[in-house]
Amino acid sequence: MKKVIALLLNVIPRPWLIRISRPLMKVTSVLYYGNKVECPVCNGRFSRFLPYGYNVIREGVLCPRCFSLERHRLLWLFLKNKTRFFTDPLKVLHIAPEQCFYKRFRKMGNLDYTTADLESPLADIKLDVQQMPFENNTFDTVICNHVLEHVPDDRKAMREILRVLKPGGFGIMQVPMDMSLEKTYEDPGIVLPQDRGKHFRQKDHYRLYGHDYLERLKECGFIIPEDNYLDQIDEGTMRRFRLPGEEYMMAFFKK
């Protein structure tokens, strides 16, 4: 299974992966039925989660039914337990919409929901997050997860997200982290896909974020909360839902 997943991820373009994954969900959700792990996104219970990863395959992280990963399950819990996302009327922009989320969010009656991306077949609007075609103060919420590491100028993208947010609105911007790094590791001289994969964990990444990620957002104008939601989750929940061990999970606000 690990070799098959690695081959699919590294050979097949992502838009096609999204298309072929839909029928696979029906099969894997039955094959892995059980009660050892649980996905809060689809409420599925399974004997185990599937492996997933590009350069390094992570064991037991991919939901067999909705294909959520650790970060997706953490985000779902955060939105449910710490925000008004599931209750209040919100105008939402979802950049690079995740397959496990977009249909669920679109069905929510309280959301005015727009998806956007450069390539994804799930997107309503094709755009570059560094220069978005929206007026100032348009959205209550912008979700932009695991995108900024793919962007040449991440600070420009951060400022664009802040610009289109309404005052008091919040952005969710998870990124791959290496908590051993005090500063984000980036080098414009690293351009070959194989070298980016070696240095930044994936062939289309421009950087690997360290502890200064929050400072970057603050410099661009975001209000940074003091609490990390991940620190509030008990060990039993972490194991049951297979949540990430290292992550900044918080909402970043516009004044």
Foldseek 3Di string as FASTA:
>chain_A
DQVVQQCCVVPPDPQVVLVVVVVQLVVQLVVFADAQAAAPLVRGHGVFAQWHAHPDIRHGAAHSHQRDGQVRSVQVCCCVPPHCLLPAQWEEEEEPDDSSPDVVSVPRPSYNYAYEYCDHPSHPYYDDLLDDPAAFQATQEYEAEQNLQLDPDSLSSLLSVLRNHHAFGWYWYKHAADAVDQAKDFDPVQQAQVSCCVAQVGSRGGIHGYPCPVVSNVVSAWDDDPDAVVVVDDPVNCSRHVHDPDIRGDIIGHD
